Amino acid sequence: MATDGPSWADQWGEGGFGAMAEEDTKSNKETAADKKTGGFGKAKAAAVAGALKVKNSTSMSIKWVKNKCQKKTSNA
């Protein structure tokens, strides 16, 4: 049976049928690095958008509280 075809090591070991060329592995690493920087940009944009929402909602809340307090003092 072992003489019928290539062994497991020949098929899946280093340099076997499924081995990738060095150029392919380098290009995969470069694209992975590009994806990481793209993800950082997306995360940064989401963080900035979230910070702006917090800032705006805090500002609106403070204005609402001030208006409520001013109405109470003017009626008294």
C-alpha atoms as a PDB file:
ATOM      1  CA  MET A   1       0.000   0.000   0.000  1.00  0.00           C
ATOM      2  CA  ALA A   2       2.778   2.435   0.790  1.00  0.00           C
ATOM      3  CA  THR A   3       4.194   1.974  -2.679  1.00  0.00           C
ATOM      4  CA  ASP A   4       0.877   2.835  -4.388  1.00  0.00           C
ATOM      5  CA  GLY A   5       1.292   6.578  -4.001  1.00  0.00           C
ATOM      6  CA  PRO A   6       3.165   9.309  -2.194  1.00  0.00           C
ATOM      7  CA  SER A   7       3.360   9.112   1.568  1.00  0.00           C
ATOM      8  CA  TRP A   8       1.660  11.530   3.934  1.00  0.00           C
ATOM      9  CA  ALA A   9       4.953  13.333   4.526  1.00  0.00           C
ATOM     10  CA  ASP A  10       5.456  13.785   0.788  1.00  0.00           C
ATOM     11  CA  GLN A  11       2.013  15.328   0.383  1.00  0.00           C
ATOM     12  CA  TRP A  12       1.812  17.565   3.445  1.00  0.00           C
ATOM     13  CA  GLY A  13       5.392  17.978   4.590  1.00  0.00           C
ATOM     14  CA  GLU A  14       7.601  20.880   3.686  1.00  0.00           C
ATOM     15  CA  GLY A  15       8.085  21.059  -0.075  1.00  0.00           C
ATOM     16  CA  GLY A  16       5.287  18.567  -0.814  1.00  0.00           C
ATOM     17  CA  PHE A  17       2.327  18.882  -3.151  1.00  0.00           C
ATOM     18  CA  GLY A  18       0.598  21.566  -1.099  1.00  0.00           C
ATOM     19  CA  ALA A  19       3.708  23.642  -0.350  1.00  0.00           C
ATOM     20  CA  MET A  20       3.547  27.339  -1.105  1.00  0.00           C
ATOM     21  CA  ALA A  21       6.321  29.285  -2.744  1.00  0.00           C
ATOM     22  CA  GLU A  22       8.224  31.825  -0.629  1.00  0.00           C
ATOM     23  CA  GLU A  23       6.836  34.719  -2.650  1.00  0.00           C
ATOM     24  CA  ASP A  24       3.276  33.694  -1.832  1.00  0.00           C
ATOM     25  CA  THR A  25       3.934  33.599   1.907  1.00  0.00           C
ATOM     26  CA  LYS A  26       5.593  37.017   1.828  1.00  0.00           C
ATOM     27  CA  SER A  27       2.704  38.572  -0.078  1.00  0.00           C
ATOM     28  CA  ASN A  28       0.252  37.031   2.413  1.00  0.00           C
ATOM     29  CA  LYS A  29       2.149  38.600   5.301  1.00  0.00           C
ATOM     30  CA  GLU A  30       2.118  41.993   3.599  1.00  0.00           C
ATOM     31  CA  THR A  31      -1.605  41.859   2.994  1.00  0.00           C
ATOM     32  CA  ALA A  32      -2.165  40.841   6.609  1.00  0.00           C
ATOM     33  CA  ALA A  33      -0.178  43.905   7.723  1.00  0.00           C
ATOM     34  CA  ASP A  34      -2.250  46.095   5.409  1.00  0.00           C
ATOM     35  CA  LYS A  35      -5.451  44.691   6.891  1.00  0.00           C
ATOM     36  CA  LYS A  36      -4.254  45.466  10.400  1.00  0.00           C
ATOM     37  CA  THR A  37      -3.612  49.120   9.579  1.00  0.00           C
ATOM     38  CA  GLY A  38      -6.973  49.354   7.831  1.00  0.00           C
ATOM     39  CA  GLY A  39      -8.633  47.945  10.922  1.00  0.00           C
ATOM     40  CA  PHE A  40      -6.876  50.506  13.081  1.00  0.00           C
ATOM     41  CA  GLY A  41      -8.221  53.296  10.902  1.00  0.00           C
ATOM     42  CA  LYS A  42     -11.748  51.946  11.236  1.00  0.00           C
ATOM     43  CA  ALA A  43     -11.392  51.598  14.992  1.00  0.00           C
ATOM     44  CA  LYS A  44     -10.040  55.126  15.279  1.00  0.00           C
ATOM     45  CA  ALA A  45     -12.929  56.514  13.228  1.00  0.00           C
ATOM     46  CA  ALA A  46     -15.439  54.658  15.401  1.00  0.00           C
ATOM     47  CA  ALA A  47     -13.769  55.947  18.573  1.00  0.00           C
ATOM     48  CA  VAL A  48     -13.844  59.532  17.314  1.00  0.00           C
ATOM     49  CA  ALA A  49     -17.502  59.228  16.352  1.00  0.00           C
ATOM     50  CA  GLY A  50     -18.322  57.791  19.780  1.00  0.00           C
ATOM     51  CA  ALA A  51     -16.428  60.557  21.551  1.00  0.00           C
ATOM     52  CA  LEU A  52     -18.334  63.206  19.587  1.00  0.00           C
ATOM     53  CA  LYS A  53     -21.642  61.583  20.526  1.00  0.00           C
ATOM     54  CA  VAL A  54     -20.678  61.577  24.204  1.00  0.00           C
ATOM     55  CA  LYS A  55     -19.561  65.204  24.003  1.00  0.00           C
ATOM     56  CA  ASN A  56     -22.782  66.323  22.318  1.00  0.00           C
ATOM     57  CA  SER A  57     -25.057  64.393  24.650  1.00  0.00           C
ATOM     58  CA  THR A  58     -23.216  65.711  27.709  1.00  0.00           C
ATOM     59  CA  SER A  59     -23.528  69.258  26.433  1.00  0.00           C
ATOM     60  CA  MET A  60     -27.241  68.822  25.777  1.00  0.00           C
ATOM     61  CA  SER A  61     -27.759  67.296  29.228  1.00  0.00           C
ATOM     62  CA  ILE A  62     -26.008  70.193  30.966  1.00  0.00           C
ATOM     63  CA  LYS A  63     -28.076  72.715  29.011  1.00  0.00           C
ATOM     64  CA  TRP A  64     -31.270  70.845  29.955  1.00  0.00           C
ATOM     65  CA  VAL A  65     -30.343  70.854  33.651  1.00  0.00           C
ATOM     66  CA  LYS A  66     -29.485  74.569  33.530  1.00  0.00           C
ATOM     67  CA  ASN A  67     -32.826  75.351  31.905  1.00  0.00           C
ATOM     68  CA  LYS A  68     -34.676  73.366  34.550  1.00  0.00           C
ATOM     69  CA  CYS A  69     -32.813  75.094  37.376  1.00  0.00           C
ATOM     70  CA  GLN A  70     -33.389  78.553  35.912  1.00  0.00           C
ATOM     71  CA  LYS A  71     -37.103  77.915  35.597  1.00  0.00           C
ATOM     72  CA  LYS A  72     -37.326  76.896  39.254  1.00  0.00           C
ATOM     73  CA  THR A  73     -35.483  79.996  40.502  1.00  0.00           C
ATOM     74  CA  SER A  74     -37.447  82.392  38.276  1.00  0.00           C
ATOM     75  CA  ASN A  75     -40.795  80.984  39.503  1.00  0.00           C
ATOM     76  CA  ALA A  76     -39.850  81.234  43.166  1.00  0.00           C
END
